[in-house]
């Protein structure tokens, strides 16, 4: 079984890799590249947009698992995700989920239940954690999205089948 850290695709490493590093140089003749957007400059997605992000991720992973082709999933993701994950690596990462035969299309029939309020964890990075209360096998997820050129794109993903007895919503968290 793949460890929790591996399932997150090294989300922390992806976030660190997304932060530009610049060596000290003389002042450039052209303006420096734009810095990451300030948290207040990134629009916080509303409930419907967050649900849409989660559902489209579930559909993309389900289609990739069914076809064995992770190119589209990768191409729809953020540049940082693309750099860190080629299609062959994604095939390996999702091998146990694919082998389990879990039908992720059933997640499109329910609204997700959040374990915590979706939130910005750093400038331009949204974290969404929750589950779909399917029976007999629930689907838990941890997703990171990065604000890239005016839209949220997948940065990190963990999808794990689990039993409903293990899943508890957080009080006060919107469904």
C-alpha atoms as a PDB file:
ATOM      1  CA  UNK A   1       0.000   0.000   0.000  1.00  0.00           C
ATOM      2  CA  UNK A   2       1.295   3.465  -0.856  1.00  0.00           C
ATOM      3  CA  UNK A   3       2.076   5.668   2.127  1.00  0.00           C
ATOM      4  CA  UNK A   4       0.022   8.783   2.771  1.00  0.00           C
ATOM      5  CA  UNK A   5       3.043  10.907   1.948  1.00  0.00           C
ATOM      6  CA  UNK A   6       3.472   9.237  -1.440  1.00  0.00           C
ATOM      7  CA  UNK A   7      -0.225   9.653  -2.233  1.00  0.00           C
ATOM      8  CA  UNK A   8       0.052  13.376  -1.784  1.00  0.00           C
ATOM      9  CA  UNK A   9       2.569  13.331  -4.660  1.00  0.00           C
ATOM     10  CA  UNK A  10       4.985  15.177  -2.523  1.00  0.00           C
ATOM     11  CA  UNK A  11       2.552  18.104  -2.356  1.00  0.00           C
ATOM     12  CA  UNK A  12       4.916  19.938  -0.069  1.00  0.00           C
ATOM     13  CA  UNK A  13       7.741  19.456  -2.538  1.00  0.00           C
ATOM     14  CA  UNK A  14       5.490  20.638  -5.332  1.00  0.00           C
ATOM     15  CA  UNK A  15       4.584  23.763  -3.410  1.00  0.00           C
ATOM     16  CA  UNK A  16       8.216  24.475  -2.644  1.00  0.00           C
ATOM     17  CA  UNK A  17       9.128  23.858  -6.280  1.00  0.00           C
ATOM     18  CA  UNK A  18       6.446  26.355  -7.298  1.00  0.00           C
ATOM     19  CA  UNK A  19       8.183  29.156  -5.406  1.00  0.00           C
ATOM     20  CA  UNK A  20      10.576  30.945  -7.736  1.00  0.00           C
ATOM     21  CA  UNK A  21      14.177  31.156  -6.587  1.00  0.00           C
ATOM     22  CA  UNK A  22      16.326  33.987  -7.866  1.00  0.00           C
ATOM     23  CA  UNK A  23      20.023  34.542  -7.379  1.00  0.00           C
ATOM     24  CA  UNK A  24      21.166  38.061  -6.579  1.00  0.00           C
ATOM     25  CA  UNK A  25      22.077  39.811  -9.787  1.00  0.00           C
ATOM     26  CA  UNK A  26      22.572  43.392 -10.910  1.00  0.00           C
ATOM     27  CA  UNK A  27      19.329  45.250 -11.526  1.00  0.00           C
ATOM     28  CA  UNK A  28      17.801  43.934 -14.763  1.00  0.00           C
ATOM     29  CA  UNK A  29      16.989  46.248 -17.653  1.00  0.00           C
ATOM     30  CA  UNK A  30      13.479  44.792 -17.795  1.00  0.00           C
ATOM     31  CA  UNK A  31      11.076  44.461 -14.887  1.00  0.00           C
ATOM     32  CA  UNK A  32      11.493  41.290 -12.789  1.00  0.00           C
ATOM     33  CA  UNK A  33       8.937  38.513 -13.230  1.00  0.00           C
ATOM     34  CA  UNK A  34       5.741  38.929 -11.263  1.00  0.00           C
ATOM     35  CA  UNK A  35       5.875  37.523  -7.756  1.00  0.00           C
ATOM     36  CA  UNK A  36       3.298  34.954  -6.644  1.00  0.00           C
ATOM     37  CA  UNK A  37      -0.094  36.577  -6.157  1.00  0.00           C
ATOM     38  CA  UNK A  38      -0.870  37.911  -2.714  1.00  0.00           C
ATOM     39  CA  UNK A  39      -3.498  35.911  -0.870  1.00  0.00           C
ATOM     40  CA  UNK A  40      -5.915  38.833  -1.164  1.00  0.00           C
ATOM     41  CA  UNK A  41      -5.299  39.024  -4.961  1.00  0.00           C
ATOM     42  CA  UNK A  42      -6.402  35.431  -5.508  1.00  0.00           C
ATOM     43  CA  UNK A  43     -10.163  35.032  -5.573  1.00  0.00           C
ATOM     44  CA  UNK A  44     -11.346  32.562  -2.953  1.00  0.00           C
ATOM     45  CA  UNK A  45     -13.575  30.147  -4.836  1.00  0.00           C
ATOM     46  CA  UNK A  46     -17.182  29.842  -3.776  1.00  0.00           C
ATOM     47  CA  UNK A  47     -18.844  26.611  -2.739  1.00  0.00           C
ATOM     48  CA  UNK A  48     -20.029  25.714  -6.257  1.00  0.00           C
ATOM     49  CA  UNK A  49     -16.607  26.350  -7.778  1.00  0.00           C
ATOM     50  CA  UNK A  50     -14.924  24.172  -5.134  1.00  0.00           C
ATOM     51  CA  UNK A  51     -17.392  21.340  -5.773  1.00  0.00           C
ATOM     52  CA  UNK A  52     -16.743  21.703  -9.510  1.00  0.00           C
ATOM     53  CA  UNK A  53     -12.972  21.486  -8.926  1.00  0.00           C
ATOM     54  CA  UNK A  54     -13.355  18.350  -6.804  1.00  0.00           C
ATOM     55  CA  UNK A  55     -15.747  16.669  -9.265  1.00  0.00           C
ATOM     56  CA  UNK A  56     -13.604  17.451 -12.304  1.00  0.00           C
ATOM     57  CA  UNK A  57     -10.562  16.038 -10.505  1.00  0.00           C
ATOM     58  CA  UNK A  58     -12.464  12.857  -9.636  1.00  0.00           C
ATOM     59  CA  UNK A  59     -13.660  12.521 -13.242  1.00  0.00           C
ATOM     60  CA  UNK A  60     -10.160  13.129 -14.641  1.00  0.00           C
ATOM     61  CA  UNK A  61      -8.564  10.540 -12.324  1.00  0.00           C
ATOM     62  CA  UNK A  62     -11.383   8.068 -13.053  1.00  0.00           C
ATOM     63  CA  UNK A  63     -10.922   8.471 -16.820  1.00  0.00           C
ATOM     64  CA  UNK A  64      -7.156   8.133 -16.477  1.00  0.00           C
ATOM     65  CA  UNK A  65      -7.582   4.972 -14.384  1.00  0.00           C
ATOM     66  CA  UNK A  66     -10.031   3.480 -16.888  1.00  0.00           C
ATOM     67  CA  UNK A  67      -7.889   4.217 -19.922  1.00  0.00           C
ATOM     68  CA  UNK A  68      -4.455   3.825 -18.333  1.00  0.00           C
ATOM     69  CA  UNK A  69      -3.583   7.159 -19.952  1.00  0.00           C
ATOM     70  CA  UNK A  70      -2.623   9.907 -17.498  1.00  0.00           C
ATOM     71  CA  UNK A  71      -1.570  12.470 -20.111  1.00  0.00           C
ATOM     72  CA  UNK A  72      -4.792  14.499 -19.981  1.00  0.00           C
ATOM     73  CA  UNK A  73      -4.814  14.557 -16.165  1.00  0.00           C
ATOM     74  CA  UNK A  74      -1.237  15.808 -16.255  1.00  0.00           C
ATOM     75  CA  UNK A  75      -1.900  18.355 -19.012  1.00  0.00           C
ATOM     76  CA  UNK A  76      -4.829  19.874 -17.118  1.00  0.00           C
ATOM     77  CA  UNK A  77      -2.755  20.278 -13.942  1.00  0.00           C
ATOM     78  CA  UNK A  78      -0.515  23.145 -12.881  1.00  0.00           C
ATOM     79  CA  UNK A  79       2.934  23.564 -14.434  1.00  0.00           C
ATOM     80  CA  UNK A  80       4.536  22.491 -11.122  1.00  0.00           C
ATOM     81  CA  UNK A  81       2.528  19.257 -11.158  1.00  0.00           C
ATOM     82  CA  UNK A  82       3.480  18.646 -14.800  1.00  0.00           C
ATOM     83  CA  UNK A  83       7.185  19.098 -14.054  1.00  0.00           C
ATOM     84  CA  UNK A  84       7.058  16.720 -11.082  1.00  0.00           C
ATOM     85  CA  UNK A  85       4.893  14.033 -12.715  1.00  0.00           C
ATOM     86  CA  UNK A  86       5.234  12.505 -16.162  1.00  0.00           C
ATOM     87  CA  UNK A  87       2.468  10.112 -17.319  1.00  0.00           C
ATOM     88  CA  UNK A  88       4.570   7.042 -16.427  1.00  0.00           C
ATOM     89  CA  UNK A  89       5.030   8.281 -12.861  1.00  0.00           C
ATOM     90  CA  UNK A  90       1.294   8.966 -12.554  1.00  0.00           C
ATOM     91  CA  UNK A  91       0.600   5.430 -13.772  1.00  0.00           C
ATOM     92  CA  UNK A  92       2.750   4.124 -10.901  1.00  0.00           C
ATOM     93  CA  UNK A  93       1.238   6.484  -8.322  1.00  0.00           C
ATOM     94  CA  UNK A  94      -2.327   5.471  -9.144  1.00  0.00           C
ATOM     95  CA  UNK A  95      -1.552   1.753  -9.586  1.00  0.00           C
ATOM     96  CA  UNK A  96      -3.110   0.663  -6.276  1.00  0.00           C
ATOM     97  CA  UNK A  97      -6.227   2.789  -6.778  1.00  0.00           C
ATOM     98  CA  UNK A  98      -6.604   1.432 -10.313  1.00  0.00           C
ATOM     99  CA  UNK A  99      -6.010  -2.162  -9.120  1.00  0.00           C
ATOM    100  CA  UNK A 100      -8.667  -1.771  -6.405  1.00  0.00           C
ATOM    101  CA  UNK A 101     -11.295  -1.290  -9.130  1.00  0.00           C
ATOM    102  CA  UNK A 102     -12.751   1.684  -7.284  1.00  0.00           C
ATOM    103  CA  UNK A 103     -15.321   3.451  -9.468  1.00  0.00           C
ATOM    104  CA  UNK A 104     -14.681   7.148  -8.943  1.00  0.00           C
ATOM    105  CA  UNK A 105     -17.557   8.103 -11.257  1.00  0.00           C
ATOM    106  CA  UNK A 106     -19.907   7.452  -8.322  1.00  0.00           C
ATOM    107  CA  UNK A 107     -18.422  10.523  -6.628  1.00  0.00           C
ATOM    108  CA  UNK A 108     -20.170  12.638  -9.270  1.00  0.00           C
ATOM    109  CA  UNK A 109     -23.525  11.628  -7.760  1.00  0.00           C
ATOM    110  CA  UNK A 110     -22.881  13.199  -4.345  1.00  0.00           C
ATOM    111  CA  UNK A 111     -21.690  16.474  -2.942  1.00  0.00           C
ATOM    112  CA  UNK A 112     -18.402  16.098  -1.069  1.00  0.00           C
ATOM    113  CA  UNK A 113     -18.307  16.360   2.703  1.00  0.00           C
ATOM    114  CA  UNK A 114     -15.365  18.450   3.878  1.00  0.00           C
ATOM    115  CA  UNK A 115     -13.162  17.452   6.799  1.00  0.00           C
ATOM    116  CA  UNK A 116     -12.008  21.049   7.122  1.00  0.00           C
ATOM    117  CA  UNK A 117     -12.967  24.310   5.510  1.00  0.00           C
ATOM    118  CA  UNK A 118     -11.281  24.647   2.092  1.00  0.00           C
ATOM    119  CA  UNK A 119      -8.577  27.285   2.520  1.00  0.00           C
ATOM    120  CA  UNK A 120      -5.570  28.990   1.026  1.00  0.00           C
ATOM    121  CA  UNK A 121      -2.501  27.384   2.596  1.00  0.00           C
ATOM    122  CA  UNK A 122      -0.052  29.721   0.884  1.00  0.00           C
ATOM    123  CA  UNK A 123      -0.452  32.451  -1.724  1.00  0.00           C
ATOM    124  CA  UNK A 124      -2.219  30.974  -4.727  1.00  0.00           C
ATOM    125  CA  UNK A 125      -2.571  27.429  -3.284  1.00  0.00           C
ATOM    126  CA  UNK A 126      -5.980  26.095  -2.246  1.00  0.00           C
ATOM    127  CA  UNK A 127      -6.312  23.008  -0.021  1.00  0.00           C
ATOM    128  CA  UNK A 128      -9.490  20.914  -0.045  1.00  0.00           C
ATOM    129  CA  UNK A 129      -9.891  17.826   2.145  1.00  0.00           C
ATOM    130  CA  UNK A 130     -12.932  15.594   2.545  1.00  0.00           C
ATOM    131  CA  UNK A 131     -14.755  12.501   1.439  1.00  0.00           C
ATOM    132  CA  UNK A 132     -17.677  11.162  -0.535  1.00  0.00           C
ATOM    133  CA  UNK A 133     -19.948   9.081   1.687  1.00  0.00           C
ATOM    134  CA  UNK A 134     -20.477   6.223  -0.724  1.00  0.00           C
ATOM    135  CA  UNK A 135     -21.450   2.796   0.548  1.00  0.00           C
ATOM    136  CA  UNK A 136     -19.852   0.387   1.164  1.00  0.00           C
ATOM    137  CA  UNK A 137     -16.647   2.180   0.205  1.00  0.00           C
ATOM    138  CA  UNK A 138     -16.247   5.890   0.860  1.00  0.00           C
ATOM    139  CA  UNK A 139     -13.730   7.916  -1.139  1.00  0.00           C
ATOM    140  CA  UNK A 140     -11.466  10.243   0.838  1.00  0.00           C
ATOM    141  CA  UNK A 141      -9.469  12.964  -0.831  1.00  0.00           C
ATOM    142  CA  UNK A 142      -6.879  15.646  -0.225  1.00  0.00           C
ATOM    143  CA  UNK A 143      -6.480  18.064  -3.113  1.00  0.00           C
ATOM    144  CA  UNK A 144      -4.245  21.048  -3.732  1.00  0.00           C
ATOM    145  CA  UNK A 145      -4.986  23.554  -6.485  1.00  0.00           C
ATOM    146  CA  UNK A 146      -2.749  26.350  -7.713  1.00  0.00           C
ATOM    147  CA  UNK A 147      -3.975  29.642  -9.142  1.00  0.00           C
ATOM    148  CA  UNK A 148      -2.400  29.771 -12.624  1.00  0.00           C
ATOM    149  CA  UNK A 149      -3.260  32.347 -15.280  1.00  0.00           C
ATOM    150  CA  UNK A 150      -6.688  33.102 -13.886  1.00  0.00           C
ATOM    151  CA  UNK A 151      -7.853  29.606 -12.992  1.00  0.00           C
ATOM    152  CA  UNK A 152      -7.379  26.893 -10.392  1.00  0.00           C
ATOM    153  CA  UNK A 153      -5.310  23.950 -11.611  1.00  0.00           C
ATOM    154  CA  UNK A 154      -4.462  20.695  -9.838  1.00  0.00           C
ATOM    155  CA  UNK A 155      -1.230  20.807  -7.843  1.00  0.00           C
ATOM    156  CA  UNK A 156      -1.447  17.701  -5.627  1.00  0.00           C
ATOM    157  CA  UNK A 157      -3.893  14.828  -5.169  1.00  0.00           C
ATOM    158  CA  UNK A 158      -4.566  11.932  -2.825  1.00  0.00           C
ATOM    159  CA  UNK A 159      -7.620   9.723  -3.379  1.00  0.00           C
ATOM    160  CA  UNK A 160      -8.124   6.732  -1.107  1.00  0.00           C
ATOM    161  CA  UNK A 161     -11.011   4.273  -0.719  1.00  0.00           C
ATOM    162  CA  UNK A 162     -12.020   3.886   2.940  1.00  0.00           C
ATOM    163  CA  UNK A 163     -14.849   2.669   5.139  1.00  0.00           C
ATOM    164  CA  UNK A 164     -17.595   5.031   6.230  1.00  0.00           C
ATOM    165  CA  UNK A 165     -16.884   4.292   9.888  1.00  0.00           C
ATOM    166  CA  UNK A 166     -13.565   6.139   9.504  1.00  0.00           C
ATOM    167  CA  UNK A 167     -15.077   9.314   8.069  1.00  0.00           C
ATOM    168  CA  UNK A 168     -16.390  12.108  10.254  1.00  0.00           C
ATOM    169  CA  UNK A 169     -17.330  15.582   9.025  1.00  0.00           C
ATOM    170  CA  UNK A 170     -16.057  18.565  10.963  1.00  0.00           C
ATOM    171  CA  UNK A 171     -18.760  20.527  12.801  1.00  0.00           C
ATOM    172  CA  UNK A 172     -19.509  23.846  11.161  1.00  0.00           C
ATOM    173  CA  UNK A 173     -17.937  22.900   7.836  1.00  0.00           C
ATOM    174  CA  UNK A 174     -20.221  23.450   4.883  1.00  0.00           C
ATOM    175  CA  UNK A 175     -21.183  20.441   2.850  1.00  0.00           C
END
